[in-house]
N, C-alpha and C. Protein backbone atom coordinates (compact mmCIF):
# COMPACT_ATOMS: atom_id res chain seq x y z
N MET A 1 -1.42 26.74 5.91
CA MET A 1 -0.73 25.27 5.73
C MET A 1 -1.51 24.62 4.59
N PRO A 2 -0.48 24.47 3.32
CA PRO A 2 -1.29 24.13 2.45
C PRO A 2 -1.55 22.59 2.50
N HIS A 3 -2.42 22.23 1.63
CA HIS A 3 -3.06 20.94 1.48
C HIS A 3 -2.80 20.50 0.06
N LEU A 4 -2.12 19.59 -0.03
CA LEU A 4 -1.75 19.15 -1.56
C LEU A 4 -2.06 17.80 -1.62
N ILE A 5 -3.04 17.41 -3.05
CA ILE A 5 -3.24 16.09 -3.21
C ILE A 5 -2.81 15.57 -4.65
N HIS A 6 -2.45 14.46 -4.62
CA HIS A 6 -1.97 13.72 -5.81
C HIS A 6 -2.38 12.30 -6.02
N HIS A 7 -3.04 12.02 -7.34
CA HIS A 7 -3.44 10.47 -7.27
C HIS A 7 -2.38 9.94 -8.04
N LEU A 8 -1.86 8.62 -7.43
CA LEU A 8 -0.92 7.71 -7.77
C LEU A 8 -1.34 6.50 -8.53
N GLY A 9 -0.97 6.34 -9.60
CA GLY A 9 -1.33 4.93 -10.36
C GLY A 9 -0.49 3.93 -9.99
N VAL A 10 -0.75 2.86 -10.15
CA VAL A 10 -0.01 1.54 -9.52
C VAL A 10 -0.43 0.34 -10.40
N ALA A 11 0.35 -0.15 -11.08
CA ALA A 11 -0.03 -1.24 -11.88
C ALA A 11 0.61 -2.35 -11.30
N THR A 12 -0.29 -3.55 -10.83
CA THR A 12 0.20 -4.74 -10.12
C THR A 12 0.07 -5.74 -11.16
N ARG A 13 0.68 -6.85 -10.82
CA ARG A 13 0.82 -8.22 -11.85
C ARG A 13 0.47 -9.27 -11.12
N GLY A 14 -0.75 -8.97 -10.22
CA GLY A 14 -1.42 -10.16 -9.43
C GLY A 14 -0.78 -9.94 -7.90
N GLN A 15 -0.84 -10.99 -7.19
CA GLN A 15 -0.74 -10.89 -5.82
C GLN A 15 0.56 -10.61 -5.61
N GLY A 16 0.92 -9.89 -4.63
CA GLY A 16 2.14 -9.67 -4.11
C GLY A 16 2.41 -8.01 -3.64
N LEU A 17 3.46 -7.78 -3.08
CA LEU A 17 3.92 -6.49 -2.80
C LEU A 17 4.79 -5.73 -3.79
N VAL A 18 3.93 -4.55 -3.95
CA VAL A 18 4.50 -3.50 -4.98
C VAL A 18 5.47 -2.49 -4.49
N GLU A 19 6.53 -2.22 -4.43
CA GLU A 19 7.15 -1.07 -3.71
C GLU A 19 6.72 0.28 -4.33
N VAL A 20 6.27 1.18 -3.68
CA VAL A 20 5.82 2.74 -4.22
C VAL A 20 6.87 3.47 -3.56
N THR A 21 7.82 3.43 -2.78
CA THR A 21 8.38 4.25 -1.81
C THR A 21 8.96 5.36 -3.04
N ARG A 22 9.78 5.14 -4.02
CA ARG A 22 10.48 6.04 -4.97
C ARG A 22 9.62 6.96 -5.21
N GLN A 23 8.36 6.70 -5.62
CA GLN A 23 7.49 7.37 -6.34
C GLN A 23 6.80 8.43 -5.36
N ILE A 24 6.56 7.87 -4.07
CA ILE A 24 5.93 8.85 -3.24
C ILE A 24 6.94 10.02 -2.64
N VAL A 25 8.00 9.35 -2.50
CA VAL A 25 9.56 10.26 -2.02
C VAL A 25 9.73 11.34 -2.50
N GLU A 26 9.59 11.21 -4.09
CA GLU A 26 9.96 12.11 -5.32
C GLU A 26 8.89 13.20 -5.30
N TRP A 27 7.65 12.64 -4.92
CA TRP A 27 6.42 13.51 -5.17
C TRP A 27 6.64 14.53 -3.91
N VAL A 28 6.83 14.00 -3.02
CA VAL A 28 6.75 14.71 -1.76
C VAL A 28 7.81 15.87 -1.78
N ARG A 29 9.23 15.44 -2.07
CA ARG A 29 10.31 16.17 -2.24
C ARG A 29 9.93 17.49 -3.09
N ARG A 30 9.02 17.20 -4.27
CA ARG A 30 8.80 18.54 -5.43
C ARG A 30 7.75 19.51 -4.75
N GLN A 31 7.03 18.95 -3.74
CA GLN A 31 6.09 20.23 -3.31
C GLN A 31 6.72 20.73 -2.17
N GLY A 32 7.92 21.06 -1.70
CA GLY A 32 8.30 21.92 -0.92
C GLY A 32 8.01 22.06 0.39
N VAL A 33 7.47 21.01 0.93
CA VAL A 33 6.57 21.02 2.28
C VAL A 33 7.81 20.81 3.26
N ALA A 34 8.18 21.85 4.34
CA ALA A 34 9.23 21.52 4.99
C ALA A 34 9.10 20.59 6.09
N ALA A 35 7.87 20.89 6.76
CA ALA A 35 7.49 20.07 7.78
C ALA A 35 5.98 19.69 7.85
N GLY A 36 5.58 18.19 7.92
CA GLY A 36 3.95 18.11 7.95
C GLY A 36 3.76 16.78 7.96
N LEU A 37 2.55 16.43 7.50
CA LEU A 37 2.08 14.82 7.41
C LEU A 37 1.71 14.55 6.08
N LEU A 38 2.21 13.21 5.72
CA LEU A 38 1.67 12.79 4.35
C LEU A 38 0.63 11.58 4.53
N THR A 39 -0.40 11.52 4.22
CA THR A 39 -1.39 10.41 4.27
C THR A 39 -1.47 9.73 2.77
N VAL A 40 -1.19 8.38 2.91
CA VAL A 40 -1.32 7.82 1.87
C VAL A 40 -2.70 6.85 1.71
N TYR A 41 -3.46 6.87 0.88
CA TYR A 41 -4.70 6.37 0.96
C TYR A 41 -5.08 5.19 -0.31
N CYS A 42 -5.38 4.00 -0.02
CA CYS A 42 -5.77 3.01 -1.07
C CYS A 42 -7.22 3.18 -1.23
N ARG A 43 -7.64 3.35 -2.47
CA ARG A 43 -9.17 3.33 -2.79
C ARG A 43 -9.70 2.30 -3.19
N HIS A 44 -9.17 1.07 -2.68
CA HIS A 44 -9.86 -0.31 -3.07
C HIS A 44 -9.92 -1.07 -1.84
N THR A 45 -10.97 -2.23 -1.81
CA THR A 45 -11.25 -3.07 -0.98
C THR A 45 -10.65 -4.52 -1.20
N SER A 46 -9.74 -4.70 -2.31
CA SER A 46 -9.00 -5.77 -1.91
C SER A 46 -7.46 -5.87 -2.49
N CYS A 47 -6.77 -4.68 -2.04
CA CYS A 47 -5.52 -4.47 -1.84
C CYS A 47 -5.49 -3.61 -0.54
N SER A 48 -4.12 -3.49 -0.06
CA SER A 48 -3.94 -2.61 1.19
C SER A 48 -2.63 -1.94 0.93
N LEU A 49 -2.06 -1.31 2.09
CA LEU A 49 -0.96 -0.73 2.27
C LEU A 49 -0.16 -1.38 3.43
N LEU A 50 1.34 -1.20 3.38
CA LEU A 50 1.90 -1.58 4.39
C LEU A 50 3.33 -0.50 4.44
N ILE A 51 3.98 -0.50 5.56
CA ILE A 51 5.53 -0.15 5.65
C ILE A 51 6.21 -1.39 6.24
N GLN A 52 6.96 -1.74 5.52
CA GLN A 52 7.77 -2.76 5.60
C GLN A 52 9.18 -2.93 5.40
N GLU A 53 9.97 -3.78 5.78
CA GLU A 53 11.45 -3.90 5.17
C GLU A 53 11.65 -3.98 3.86
N ASN A 54 12.70 -3.10 3.32
CA ASN A 54 12.89 -3.34 1.89
C ASN A 54 14.23 -3.50 1.49
N ALA A 55 14.86 -4.01 2.53
CA ALA A 55 16.14 -4.50 2.17
C ALA A 55 16.23 -5.83 1.57
N ASP A 56 15.67 -6.82 2.37
CA ASP A 56 15.90 -8.17 2.07
C ASP A 56 14.56 -8.76 1.36
N PRO A 57 14.45 -9.35 0.28
CA PRO A 57 13.10 -9.82 -0.20
C PRO A 57 12.32 -11.08 0.14
N ASP A 58 13.34 -11.82 0.99
CA ASP A 58 12.79 -12.86 1.54
C ASP A 58 11.65 -12.37 2.69
N VAL A 59 11.69 -11.08 3.01
CA VAL A 59 10.60 -10.49 4.18
C VAL A 59 9.20 -10.60 3.22
N ARG A 60 9.33 -9.93 2.06
CA ARG A 60 8.32 -10.03 1.26
C ARG A 60 7.56 -11.40 1.06
N THR A 61 8.58 -12.33 0.38
CA THR A 61 8.16 -13.64 0.32
C THR A 61 7.32 -14.27 1.40
N ASP A 62 8.03 -14.39 2.54
CA ASP A 62 7.19 -14.66 3.70
C ASP A 62 6.08 -13.99 3.99
N LEU A 63 6.01 -12.91 4.19
CA LEU A 63 4.78 -11.78 4.23
C LEU A 63 3.59 -12.60 3.18
N GLU A 64 3.94 -12.64 2.05
CA GLU A 64 2.97 -13.18 1.26
C GLU A 64 2.29 -14.40 1.15
N ALA A 65 3.60 -15.42 1.84
CA ALA A 65 2.93 -16.72 2.12
C ALA A 65 2.22 -16.97 3.33
N PHE A 66 2.72 -16.14 4.34
CA PHE A 66 1.78 -16.07 5.71
C PHE A 66 0.54 -15.57 5.11
N PHE A 67 0.20 -14.60 4.49
CA PHE A 67 -1.43 -14.27 4.00
C PHE A 67 -2.21 -15.14 3.47
N ARG A 68 -1.23 -15.76 2.58
CA ARG A 68 -1.85 -17.30 1.75
C ARG A 68 -2.57 -18.23 2.68
N LYS A 69 -1.81 -18.14 3.50
CA LYS A 69 -2.06 -19.34 4.64
C LYS A 69 -3.48 -18.81 5.73
N LEU A 70 -3.10 -17.65 6.16
CA LEU A 70 -3.91 -17.05 7.06
C LEU A 70 -5.63 -16.77 6.16
N ALA A 71 -5.42 -16.61 4.95
CA ALA A 71 -6.73 -16.49 4.18
C ALA A 71 -6.65 -16.97 2.96
N PRO A 72 -6.82 -18.41 2.92
CA PRO A 72 -6.70 -19.41 1.70
C PRO A 72 -7.72 -19.12 0.58
N GLU A 73 -7.86 -19.37 -0.47
CA GLU A 73 -8.41 -19.29 -1.51
C GLU A 73 -9.29 -20.50 -1.61
N GLY A 74 -10.21 -20.51 -2.17
CA GLY A 74 -11.06 -21.82 -2.22
C GLY A 74 -12.91 -21.43 -2.48
N ARG A 75 -13.43 -21.82 -3.57
CA ARG A 75 -14.76 -21.61 -3.74
C ARG A 75 -15.66 -21.94 -2.40
N ASP A 76 -15.37 -23.24 -2.05
CA ASP A 76 -16.16 -23.75 -0.94
C ASP A 76 -15.97 -23.08 0.63
N LEU A 77 -15.17 -22.05 0.59
CA LEU A 77 -14.68 -21.66 1.84
C LEU A 77 -15.71 -20.49 2.26
N TYR A 78 -15.98 -19.84 1.38
CA TYR A 78 -16.38 -18.69 1.51
C TYR A 78 -18.05 -18.49 0.83
N VAL A 79 -18.71 -17.76 1.33
CA VAL A 79 -20.19 -17.40 0.73
C VAL A 79 -20.02 -16.09 -0.46
N HIS A 80 -18.94 -15.34 -0.08
CA HIS A 80 -19.07 -14.29 -1.31
C HIS A 80 -17.99 -14.77 -2.17
N ASP A 81 -18.18 -15.06 -3.29
CA ASP A 81 -17.01 -15.46 -4.11
C ASP A 81 -17.46 -14.85 -5.55
N THR A 82 -18.16 -13.62 -5.74
CA THR A 82 -18.84 -12.95 -6.73
C THR A 82 -17.66 -12.89 -7.96
N GLU A 83 -16.37 -12.57 -7.58
CA GLU A 83 -15.38 -12.49 -8.55
C GLU A 83 -14.28 -13.42 -8.52
N GLY A 84 -14.76 -14.63 -8.10
CA GLY A 84 -13.83 -15.76 -8.40
C GLY A 84 -13.27 -16.03 -6.68
N PRO A 85 -12.56 -17.22 -6.67
CA PRO A 85 -12.02 -17.90 -5.45
C PRO A 85 -11.04 -16.88 -4.68
N ASP A 86 -10.46 -15.95 -5.42
CA ASP A 86 -9.72 -14.88 -4.49
C ASP A 86 -10.23 -13.84 -3.99
N ASP A 87 -11.45 -13.64 -4.46
CA ASP A 87 -12.32 -12.48 -3.97
C ASP A 87 -12.35 -11.97 -2.30
N MET A 88 -13.04 -12.97 -1.73
CA MET A 88 -13.47 -12.75 -0.11
C MET A 88 -11.87 -12.98 0.56
N PRO A 89 -11.02 -13.81 0.06
CA PRO A 89 -9.65 -13.67 0.88
C PRO A 89 -8.84 -12.42 0.59
N ALA A 90 -9.20 -11.89 -0.47
CA ALA A 90 -8.68 -10.46 -0.75
C ALA A 90 -9.04 -9.42 0.22
N HIS A 91 -10.51 -9.51 0.60
CA HIS A 91 -10.97 -8.58 1.21
C HIS A 91 -10.64 -9.00 2.62
N ILE A 92 -10.52 -10.14 2.97
CA ILE A 92 -10.02 -10.60 4.44
C ILE A 92 -8.44 -9.90 4.73
N ARG A 93 -7.63 -10.27 3.56
CA ARG A 93 -6.28 -9.65 3.90
C ARG A 93 -6.37 -8.30 4.06
N THR A 94 -7.13 -7.41 3.31
CA THR A 94 -7.32 -5.99 3.43
C THR A 94 -7.96 -5.45 4.74
N ALA A 95 -8.65 -6.28 5.19
CA ALA A 95 -9.28 -5.93 6.77
C ALA A 95 -8.21 -6.09 7.39
N LEU A 96 -7.28 -7.18 7.39
CA LEU A 96 -6.30 -7.28 8.36
C LEU A 96 -4.99 -6.58 8.30
N THR A 97 -4.94 -5.60 7.17
CA THR A 97 -3.95 -4.64 6.88
C THR A 97 -4.35 -3.60 6.86
N GLN A 98 -4.17 -2.64 6.19
CA GLN A 98 -4.53 -1.10 6.15
C GLN A 98 -4.72 -0.65 4.91
N THR A 99 -5.74 0.36 5.05
CA THR A 99 -6.06 1.17 3.29
C THR A 99 -5.34 2.55 3.58
N HIS A 100 -4.84 2.70 4.59
CA HIS A 100 -4.06 4.12 4.85
C HIS A 100 -2.96 4.19 5.59
N LEU A 101 -2.04 5.11 5.46
CA LEU A 101 -0.78 5.32 6.28
C LEU A 101 -0.49 6.71 6.43
N ALA A 102 0.07 7.06 7.51
CA ALA A 102 0.59 8.29 7.99
C ALA A 102 1.92 8.47 8.31
N ILE A 103 2.59 9.37 7.43
CA ILE A 103 4.16 9.37 7.49
C ILE A 103 4.41 10.84 7.83
N PRO A 104 5.20 11.14 8.84
CA PRO A 104 5.61 12.54 9.43
C PRO A 104 6.48 12.78 8.24
N VAL A 105 6.57 14.06 7.80
CA VAL A 105 7.53 15.09 7.01
C VAL A 105 8.46 15.83 7.34
N GLU A 106 9.76 16.01 7.47
CA GLU A 106 10.65 16.96 8.29
C GLU A 106 11.81 16.98 7.14
N ARG A 107 12.24 18.66 7.07
CA ARG A 107 13.01 19.27 6.41
C ARG A 107 12.78 18.41 4.75
N GLY A 108 11.33 18.40 4.38
CA GLY A 108 10.99 18.08 3.03
C GLY A 108 11.08 16.37 2.67
N ALA A 109 11.51 15.67 3.58
CA ALA A 109 11.46 14.19 3.47
C ALA A 109 10.66 13.50 4.68
N LEU A 110 10.16 12.29 3.91
CA LEU A 110 9.68 11.29 4.86
C LEU A 110 10.45 10.82 5.79
N LEU A 111 9.74 10.66 6.99
CA LEU A 111 10.73 10.18 8.11
C LEU A 111 10.71 8.65 8.20
N LEU A 112 10.91 8.02 7.12
CA LEU A 112 10.98 6.40 7.14
C LEU A 112 12.34 6.04 7.73
N GLY A 113 12.36 4.87 8.50
CA GLY A 113 13.44 4.40 9.09
C GLY A 113 14.20 3.75 7.74
N GLN A 114 15.54 3.44 8.32
CA GLN A 114 16.53 2.98 7.06
C GLN A 114 15.96 2.04 6.27
N TRP A 115 15.48 1.02 7.00
CA TRP A 115 15.12 -0.28 6.25
C TRP A 115 13.79 -0.33 5.65
N GLN A 116 12.92 0.75 5.75
CA GLN A 116 11.35 0.93 5.61
C GLN A 116 11.19 1.13 4.40
N GLY A 117 10.17 0.68 3.67
CA GLY A 117 9.71 0.85 2.33
C GLY A 117 7.95 0.88 2.34
N ILE A 118 7.45 1.76 1.54
CA ILE A 118 5.93 1.43 1.57
C ILE A 118 5.65 0.93 -0.02
N TYR A 119 4.51 0.02 0.71
CA TYR A 119 4.02 -1.01 -0.36
C TYR A 119 2.46 -1.17 -0.35
N LEU A 120 2.27 -1.17 -1.72
CA LEU A 120 0.92 -1.76 -2.12
C LEU A 120 0.93 -3.10 -2.00
N PHE A 121 0.07 -3.67 -1.31
CA PHE A 121 -0.25 -5.26 -1.35
C PHE A 121 -1.35 -5.66 -2.09
N GLU A 122 -1.11 -6.18 -2.99
CA GLU A 122 -2.29 -6.48 -4.08
C GLU A 122 -2.41 -8.23 -3.78
N HIS A 123 -3.96 -7.99 -3.17
CA HIS A 123 -4.37 -9.61 -2.73
C HIS A 123 -5.31 -10.25 -3.96
N ARG A 124 -5.40 -9.67 -5.25
CA ARG A 124 -5.97 -10.38 -6.08
C ARG A 124 -5.09 -11.14 -7.18
N ALA A 125 -5.55 -11.97 -7.53
CA ALA A 125 -4.54 -12.92 -8.68
C ALA A 125 -4.29 -12.32 -9.84
N ALA A 126 -5.24 -11.68 -10.48
CA ALA A 126 -4.94 -11.19 -11.67
C ALA A 126 -4.43 -9.63 -11.60
N PRO A 127 -3.76 -9.13 -12.68
CA PRO A 127 -3.18 -7.80 -12.47
C PRO A 127 -4.34 -6.86 -12.36
N HIS A 128 -4.02 -5.51 -11.78
CA HIS A 128 -5.19 -4.35 -11.61
C HIS A 128 -4.19 -3.38 -11.88
N ALA A 129 -5.19 -2.32 -12.07
CA ALA A 129 -4.65 -0.72 -12.17
C ALA A 129 -5.21 -0.24 -10.76
N ARG A 130 -4.37 0.19 -9.79
CA ARG A 130 -4.98 0.59 -8.27
C ARG A 130 -4.58 1.89 -8.46
N GLU A 131 -5.18 2.75 -7.61
CA GLU A 131 -5.07 4.09 -7.41
C GLU A 131 -4.50 4.70 -5.85
N LEU A 132 -3.53 5.32 -5.74
CA LEU A 132 -3.35 5.71 -4.38
C LEU A 132 -3.50 7.32 -4.50
N VAL A 133 -4.26 7.79 -2.90
CA VAL A 133 -4.30 9.21 -3.13
C VAL A 133 -3.12 9.68 -2.11
N LEU A 134 -2.38 10.49 -2.39
CA LEU A 134 -1.44 11.09 -1.44
C LEU A 134 -2.07 12.62 -1.05
N HIS A 135 -2.10 12.73 0.23
CA HIS A 135 -2.56 14.03 0.98
C HIS A 135 -1.35 14.37 1.71
N LEU A 136 -0.76 15.85 1.32
CA LEU A 136 0.31 16.22 2.04
C LEU A 136 -0.17 17.59 2.73
N ALA A 137 0.07 17.76 4.06
CA ALA A 137 -0.42 18.76 4.73
C ALA A 137 0.63 19.36 5.60
N GLY A 138 1.34 20.69 5.39
CA GLY A 138 2.31 21.12 6.27
C GLY A 138 2.57 22.40 5.87
N ASP A 139 3.86 23.03 6.28
CA ASP A 139 4.25 24.22 6.27
C ASP A 139 5.34 24.31 5.41
N GLY A 140 5.57 25.31 4.43
CA GLY A 140 6.65 25.45 3.52
C GLY A 140 7.88 25.73 4.05
């Protein structure tokens, strides 16, 4: 069973959801793995990963608004504010979501649902260069 690893760079524009489905689907397809499991891992503590609806952009808008309310920004709200007022809220948002996903692969394709997309959820206000690690294990 081969184990394949790829580092995927993702540029963000600040807070929000960045869809990375296309890049991941294309990489998996090129690997020639018929059946297996893809792990997508985020190497950061202030952004996270989601599988979410990718048909209606209102879903992304509402999710982003919900997380801003759930973990608001403000210097007087948290002890940890080393990197600014968005620092600790970003860590809280990451803790409430996830830093890795596991997606089955069948016939060389991810078994995502019809309306599912893979997103990097940037929780910091400034643009960042993020890195995802893709690990594909399976049979050819």
